[in-house]
C-alpha atoms as a PDB file:
ATOM      1  CA  MET A   1    -296.448-147.090-109.337  1.00  0.00           C
ATOM      2  CA  VAL A   2    -298.593-149.778-111.294  1.00  0.00           C
ATOM      3  CA  ASN A   3    -298.973-151.786-108.464  1.00  0.00           C
ATOM      4  CA  LYS A   4    -300.864-150.985-105.438  1.00  0.00           C
ATOM      5  CA  LYS A   5    -299.289-153.789-103.357  1.00  0.00           C
ATOM      6  CA  ILE A   6    -296.115-152.111-103.940  1.00  0.00           C
ATOM      7  CA  ASP A   7    -297.585-148.565-102.868  1.00  0.00           C
ATOM      8  CA  VAL A   8    -298.565-149.838 -99.731  1.00  0.00           C
ATOM      9  CA  LEU A   9    -294.862-151.160 -98.919  1.00  0.00           C
ATOM     10  CA  ILE A  10    -293.221-147.819 -99.666  1.00  0.00           C
ATOM     11  CA  GLN A  11    -296.204-145.943 -97.572  1.00  0.00           C
ATOM     12  CA  ASN A  12    -295.375-148.211 -94.927  1.00  0.00           C
ATOM     13  CA  LYS A  13    -291.586-147.702 -95.456  1.00  0.00           C
ATOM     14  CA  GLN A  14    -291.072-151.397 -96.105  1.00  0.00           C
ATOM     15  CA  LEU A  15    -289.568-150.325 -99.614  1.00  0.00           C
ATOM     16  CA  THR A  16    -288.050-147.069-100.660  1.00  0.00           C
ATOM     17  CA  GLU A  17    -289.437-145.460-103.911  1.00  0.00           C
ATOM     18  CA  LEU A  18    -286.477-146.646-105.514  1.00  0.00           C
ATOM     19  CA  GLU A  19    -286.808-150.317-105.039  1.00  0.00           C
ATOM     20  CA  GLY A  20    -290.572-149.999-105.347  1.00  0.00           C
ATOM     21  CA  ARG A  21    -289.649-148.773-108.940  1.00  0.00           C
ATOM     22  CA  ALA A  22    -287.711-151.690-109.290  1.00  0.00           C
ATOM     23  CA  ILE A  23    -289.852-154.264-108.867  1.00  0.00           C
ATOM     24  CA  ASP A  24    -292.804-152.581-110.489  1.00  0.00           C
ATOM     25  CA  TRP A  25    -290.403-152.817-113.193  1.00  0.00           C
ATOM     26  CA  ILE A  26    -289.237-156.328-113.286  1.00  0.00           C
ATOM     27  CA  LEU A  27    -293.173-157.173-112.792  1.00  0.00           C
ATOM     28  CA  ALA A  28    -294.555-155.092-115.836  1.00  0.00           C
ATOM     29  CA  VAL A  29    -291.587-155.232-118.149  1.00  0.00           C
ATOM     30  CA  GLY A  30    -288.493-157.184-117.284  1.00  0.00           C
ATOM     31  CA  PHE A  31    -290.611-160.223-117.230  1.00  0.00           C
ATOM     32  CA  TRP A  32    -291.931-159.592-120.387  1.00  0.00           C
ATOM     33  CA  HIS A  33    -292.363-163.633-121.219  1.00  0.00           C
ATOM     34  CA  GLY A  34    -294.383-164.346-118.061  1.00  0.00           C
ATOM     35  CA  GLU A  35    -292.465-167.342-117.206  1.00  0.00           C
ATOM     36  CA  ILE A  36    -291.543-168.190-113.743  1.00  0.00           C
ATOM     37  CA  GLY A  37    -288.056-169.221-113.101  1.00  0.00           C
ATOM     38  CA  PHE A  38    -286.652-167.813-116.401  1.00  0.00           C
ATOM     39  CA  SER A  39    -284.784-164.095-116.629  1.00  0.00           C
ATOM     40  CA  ASP A  40    -282.179-162.410-118.670  1.00  0.00           C
ATOM     41  CA  ILE A  41    -282.827-159.131-116.726  1.00  0.00           C
ATOM     42  CA  THR A  42    -279.546-157.641-116.438  1.00  0.00           C
ATOM     43  CA  PHE A  43    -278.024-155.380-113.979  1.00  0.00           C
ATOM     44  CA  GLU A  44    -277.752-152.703-116.745  1.00  0.00           C
ATOM     45  CA  ASP A  45    -281.168-153.468-118.066  1.00  0.00           C
ATOM     46  CA  LEU A  46    -282.801-152.417-114.811  1.00  0.00           C
ATOM     47  CA  ALA A  47    -280.710-149.264-114.655  1.00  0.00           C
ATOM     48  CA  ASN A  48    -281.977-148.135-118.020  1.00  0.00           C
ATOM     49  CA  GLY A  49    -285.437-149.594-117.035  1.00  0.00           C
ATOM     50  CA  ILE A  50    -285.773-147.599-114.257  1.00  0.00           C
ATOM     51  CA  GLU A  51    -283.507-144.704-115.324  1.00  0.00           C
ATOM     52  CA  VAL A  52    -280.794-144.779-112.896  1.00  0.00           C
ATOM     53  CA  SER A  53    -277.004-145.487-112.901  1.00  0.00           C
ATOM     54  CA  ILE A  54    -275.810-148.509-112.876  1.00  0.00           C
ATOM     55  CA  ASN A  55    -274.043-148.179-109.329  1.00  0.00           C
ATOM     56  CA  THR A  56    -277.653-146.821-108.224  1.00  0.00           C
ATOM     57  CA  ALA A  57    -278.950-150.010-109.888  1.00  0.00           C
ATOM     58  CA  LYS A  58    -276.478-152.233-108.110  1.00  0.00           C
ATOM     59  CA  GLY A  59    -277.457-150.740-104.693  1.00  0.00           C
ATOM     60  CA  ILE A  60    -281.078-151.417-105.354  1.00  0.00           C
ATOM     61  CA  ILE A  61    -280.378-155.129-106.428  1.00  0.00           C
ATOM     62  CA  GLY A  62    -278.402-155.435-103.388  1.00  0.00           C
ATOM     63  CA  SER A  63    -280.799-154.001-100.895  1.00  0.00           C
ATOM     64  CA  LEU A  64    -283.906-155.868-102.867  1.00  0.00           C
ATOM     65  CA  SER A  65    -281.514-159.544-102.126  1.00  0.00           C
ATOM     66  CA  LYS A  66    -281.347-158.770 -98.342  1.00  0.00           C
ATOM     67  CA  LYS A  67    -285.082-158.264 -98.167  1.00  0.00           C
ATOM     68  CA  GLY A  68    -285.556-161.434-100.085  1.00  0.00           C
ATOM     69  CA  TYR A  69    -287.117-160.037-103.140  1.00  0.00           C
ATOM     70  CA  ILE A  70    -284.453-160.852-105.659  1.00  0.00           C
ATOM     71  CA  TRP A  71    -281.510-162.930-106.194  1.00  0.00           C
ATOM     72  CA  THR A  72    -279.008-162.668-108.512  1.00  0.00           C
ATOM     73  CA  ASP A  73    -276.647-165.080-110.698  1.00  0.00           C
ATOM     74  CA  ASN A  74    -273.189-164.805-112.304  1.00  0.00           C
ATOM     75  CA  SER A  75    -272.530-168.187-113.492  1.00  0.00           C
ATOM     76  CA  ALA A  76    -272.601-167.464-116.870  1.00  0.00           C
ATOM     77  CA  GLY A  77    -270.076-164.308-116.599  1.00  0.00           C
ATOM     78  CA  ILE A  78    -272.791-161.806-116.302  1.00  0.00           C
ATOM     79  CA  HIS A  79    -275.403-160.841-113.451  1.00  0.00           C
ATOM     80  CA  VAL A  80    -278.790-161.829-113.885  1.00  0.00           C
ATOM     81  CA  ILE A  81    -281.648-160.695-111.878  1.00  0.00           C
ATOM     82  CA  TYR A  82    -284.296-163.582-110.672  1.00  0.00           C
ATOM     83  CA  ALA A  83    -287.250-162.811-108.429  1.00  0.00           C
ATOM     84  CA  THR A  84    -288.289-164.739-105.875  1.00  0.00           C
ATOM     85  CA  ARG A  85    -291.856-165.604-105.042  1.00  0.00           C
ATOM     86  CA  LYS A  86    -292.348-162.635-102.635  1.00  0.00           C
ATOM     87  CA  THR A  87    -292.004-160.524-105.795  1.00  0.00           C
ATOM     88  CA  TYR A  88    -294.201-162.313-107.677  1.00  0.00           C
ATOM     89  CA  GLU A  89    -296.701-162.186-104.744  1.00  0.00           C
ATOM     90  CA  LEU A  90    -296.714-158.007-105.191  1.00  0.00           C
ATOM     91  CA  ASP A  91    -298.470-158.094-108.666  1.00  0.00           C
ATOM     92  CA  ASP A  92    -301.819-157.094-108.571  1.00  0.00           C
ATOM     93  CA  ASN A  93    -302.313-159.576-111.475  1.00  0.00           C
ATOM     94  CA  TYR A  94    -300.699-162.329-109.428  1.00  0.00           C
ATOM     95  CA  GLU A  95    -303.649-164.840-109.075  1.00  0.00           C
ATOM     96  CA  THR A  96    -304.265-164.980-112.755  1.00  0.00           C
ATOM     97  CA  LYS A  97    -300.550-163.951-114.266  1.00  0.00           C
ATOM     98  CA  TRP A  98    -298.336-165.942-111.874  1.00  0.00           C
ATOM     99  CA  LYS A  99    -300.315-168.187-109.042  1.00  0.00           C
ATOM    100  CA  GLU A 100    -300.470-171.222-111.135  1.00  0.00           C
ATOM    101  CA  GLN A 101    -297.314-171.284-112.276  1.00  0.00           C
ATOM    102  CA  LEU A 102    -295.625-170.685-108.847  1.00  0.00           C
ATOM    103  CA  ASP A 103    -298.024-173.424-107.278  1.00  0.00           C
ATOM    104  CA  MET A 104    -296.428-176.063-109.571  1.00  0.00           C
ATOM    105  CA  ASN A 105    -292.893-174.676-108.988  1.00  0.00           C
ATOM    106  CA  PRO A 106    -292.125-174.796-105.178  1.00  0.00           C
ATOM    107  CA  PHE A 107    -288.749-173.873-105.337  1.00  0.00           C
ATOM    108  CA  ILE A 108    -289.590-170.257-106.290  1.00  0.00           C
END
């Protein structure tokens, strides 16, 4: 893992290895544009990004959603993955990369 906070959650059995890989990928690659509240990450993007089948990605997404790390939207006819504040706070660069934007947007 790139993010130490994610490693700790995996070691403490609060996240599985696959969940950790998914969050790590979402933070490092998926949100390359760095704008809070925007996402164009699909289930397929995540599956390709962490090199798992689409069914495995769907399972990871369902689990992370239940744990409050992500939510999904299908209003445009395609499932898009969004991060919650809980996910952004796992980024080791949270203070410099996300905190100011999250403080200005209490709905995330």
